[in-house]
């Protein structure tokens, strides 16, 4: 009898684990998730704070409700680098097939510094007046 109970518990754990894996995989395959992660990995302030390479964590939290040409995800995506950890917070809305971000911020865990990824495109220099002086 104990072996039968153990088998049921193992099957239940495998089932729950499979459901969790499917849900996380579905969230990670969304355009918003991929775009937010790409922006964070390419942002100079994020790289300076966390080091390079910036990698994604597994336990994405939040909710996403996407249905064809519309949707509304709110996600927290854990990231890390050699210097520390952080979280990408994403709030967006999809309307008529187009994503519009209402928030896209990286919070650095140890300093609570918040880096707004919507303020400037990734790769743009923060002070363009100094370009070309170090050639």
Protein backbone atom coordinates (compact mmCIF):
# COMPACT_ATOMS: atom_id res chain seq x y z
CA UNK A 1 0.00 0.00 0.00
CA UNK A 2 2.72 2.57 0.82
CA UNK A 3 4.28 1.97 -2.61
CA UNK A 4 0.92 2.76 -4.25
CA UNK A 5 0.58 6.02 -2.30
CA UNK A 6 4.16 6.97 -3.20
CA UNK A 7 3.42 6.34 -6.88
CA UNK A 8 0.35 8.59 -6.72
CA UNK A 9 2.38 11.36 -5.05
CA UNK A 10 5.14 11.06 -7.67
CA UNK A 11 2.60 11.18 -10.51
CA UNK A 12 0.94 14.23 -8.94
CA UNK A 13 4.30 16.03 -8.59
CA UNK A 14 5.20 15.19 -12.20
CA UNK A 15 1.79 16.46 -13.36
CA UNK A 16 2.08 19.73 -11.42
CA UNK A 17 5.66 20.18 -12.61
CA UNK A 18 4.56 19.64 -16.21
CA UNK A 19 1.77 22.21 -15.89
CA UNK A 20 4.18 24.76 -14.36
CA UNK A 21 6.72 24.12 -17.13
CA UNK A 22 4.06 24.57 -19.83
CA UNK A 23 2.82 27.83 -18.27
CA UNK A 24 6.34 29.29 -17.90
CA UNK A 25 7.22 28.20 -21.45
CA UNK A 26 4.06 29.89 -22.78
CA UNK A 27 4.87 33.16 -20.98
CA UNK A 28 8.50 33.06 -22.12
CA UNK A 29 7.42 32.60 -25.73
CA UNK A 30 5.40 35.86 -25.78
CA UNK A 31 6.70 38.85 -27.74
CA UNK A 32 6.52 41.07 -24.64
CA UNK A 33 8.72 38.71 -22.60
CA UNK A 34 11.29 38.37 -25.40
CA UNK A 35 11.34 42.13 -26.10
CA UNK A 36 11.66 43.09 -22.42
CA UNK A 37 14.51 40.63 -21.91
CA UNK A 38 16.31 41.81 -25.07
CA UNK A 39 16.01 45.48 -24.01
CA UNK A 40 17.36 44.71 -20.53
CA UNK A 41 20.27 42.64 -21.86
CA UNK A 42 21.24 45.46 -24.26
CA UNK A 43 20.88 48.39 -21.84
CA UNK A 44 24.19 49.89 -20.70
CA UNK A 45 22.92 50.87 -17.25
CA UNK A 46 21.64 47.33 -16.62
CA UNK A 47 24.94 45.81 -17.79
CA UNK A 48 26.88 48.25 -15.61
CA UNK A 49 24.77 47.35 -12.56
CA UNK A 50 24.61 43.57 -13.05
CA UNK A 51 27.65 42.79 -15.19
CA UNK A 52 27.74 40.82 -18.40
CA UNK A 53 26.28 38.49 -19.46
CA UNK A 54 22.80 39.20 -18.12
CA UNK A 55 20.82 35.96 -17.88
CA UNK A 56 17.16 35.26 -17.26
CA UNK A 57 15.79 33.40 -14.26
CA UNK A 58 13.22 30.64 -14.42
CA UNK A 59 10.40 31.78 -12.12
CA UNK A 60 8.55 34.44 -14.08
CA UNK A 61 5.59 35.82 -12.14
CA UNK A 62 2.62 37.99 -12.99
CA UNK A 63 -0.21 37.47 -15.40
CA UNK A 64 -0.77 37.61 -19.11
CA UNK A 65 -4.01 37.73 -21.00
CA UNK A 66 -3.35 37.74 -24.74
CA UNK A 67 -6.04 36.90 -27.24
CA UNK A 68 -5.08 37.45 -30.87
CA UNK A 69 -4.77 41.18 -31.61
CA UNK A 70 -5.30 42.31 -28.00
CA UNK A 71 -3.85 41.55 -24.61
CA UNK A 72 -2.56 42.86 -21.32
CA UNK A 73 0.47 41.26 -19.64
CA UNK A 74 2.00 42.34 -16.32
CA UNK A 75 5.19 40.39 -15.68
CA UNK A 76 8.08 40.20 -13.24
CA UNK A 77 11.12 38.60 -14.88
CA UNK A 78 14.11 37.71 -12.69
CA UNK A 79 17.52 38.43 -14.22
CA UNK A 80 21.09 38.13 -12.96
CA UNK A 81 24.65 38.94 -13.88
CA UNK A 82 28.08 38.44 -12.31
CA UNK A 83 27.60 41.53 -10.10
CA UNK A 84 24.09 40.87 -8.81
CA UNK A 85 20.42 40.21 -9.41
CA UNK A 86 17.48 42.24 -10.61
CA UNK A 87 13.90 42.08 -11.81
CA UNK A 88 12.35 43.34 -15.03
CA UNK A 89 8.86 44.71 -14.46
CA UNK A 90 6.72 44.85 -17.60
CA UNK A 91 3.27 46.36 -18.09
CA UNK A 92 1.94 46.49 -21.63
CA UNK A 93 -1.21 46.48 -23.66
CA UNK A 94 -1.75 45.01 -27.10
CA UNK A 95 -4.32 46.80 -29.18
CA UNK A 96 -4.96 46.25 -32.88
CA UNK A 97 -1.96 43.93 -33.00
CA UNK A 98 0.49 46.56 -31.63
CA UNK A 99 2.22 46.40 -28.22
CA UNK A 100 2.38 49.61 -26.17
CA UNK A 101 4.37 49.60 -22.94
CA UNK A 102 3.01 51.51 -19.98
CA UNK A 103 6.03 50.44 -17.94
CA UNK A 104 9.32 48.65 -18.55
CA UNK A 105 11.69 48.95 -15.60
CA UNK A 106 14.62 46.97 -14.20
CA UNK A 107 15.05 47.07 -10.44
CA UNK A 108 18.50 46.14 -9.15
CA UNK A 109 18.07 43.91 -6.07
CA UNK A 110 20.84 45.10 -3.75
CA UNK A 111 20.53 48.87 -4.40
CA UNK A 112 16.84 49.11 -5.39
CA UNK A 113 17.97 51.33 -8.28
CA UNK A 114 15.28 51.48 -10.96
CA UNK A 115 16.34 51.71 -14.61
CA UNK A 116 13.58 52.85 -16.95
CA UNK A 117 14.07 51.03 -20.26
CA UNK A 118 11.47 53.22 -21.97
CA UNK A 119 13.39 56.47 -21.41
CA UNK A 120 15.90 55.76 -24.14
CA UNK A 121 16.47 53.13 -26.81
CA UNK A 122 19.06 50.48 -25.97
CA UNK A 123 22.54 51.34 -27.18
CA UNK A 124 21.97 55.12 -27.22
CA UNK A 125 24.64 57.05 -25.38
CA UNK A 126 23.45 58.89 -22.31
CA UNK A 127 25.54 61.99 -23.14
CA UNK A 128 25.88 62.30 -26.94
CA UNK A 129 27.84 65.59 -26.68
CA UNK A 130 30.96 63.56 -25.79
CA UNK A 131 30.85 61.31 -28.86
CA UNK A 132 33.97 61.30 -31.00
CA UNK A 133 36.30 62.83 -28.39
CA UNK A 134 38.10 59.57 -27.60
CA UNK A 135 39.13 58.57 -31.10
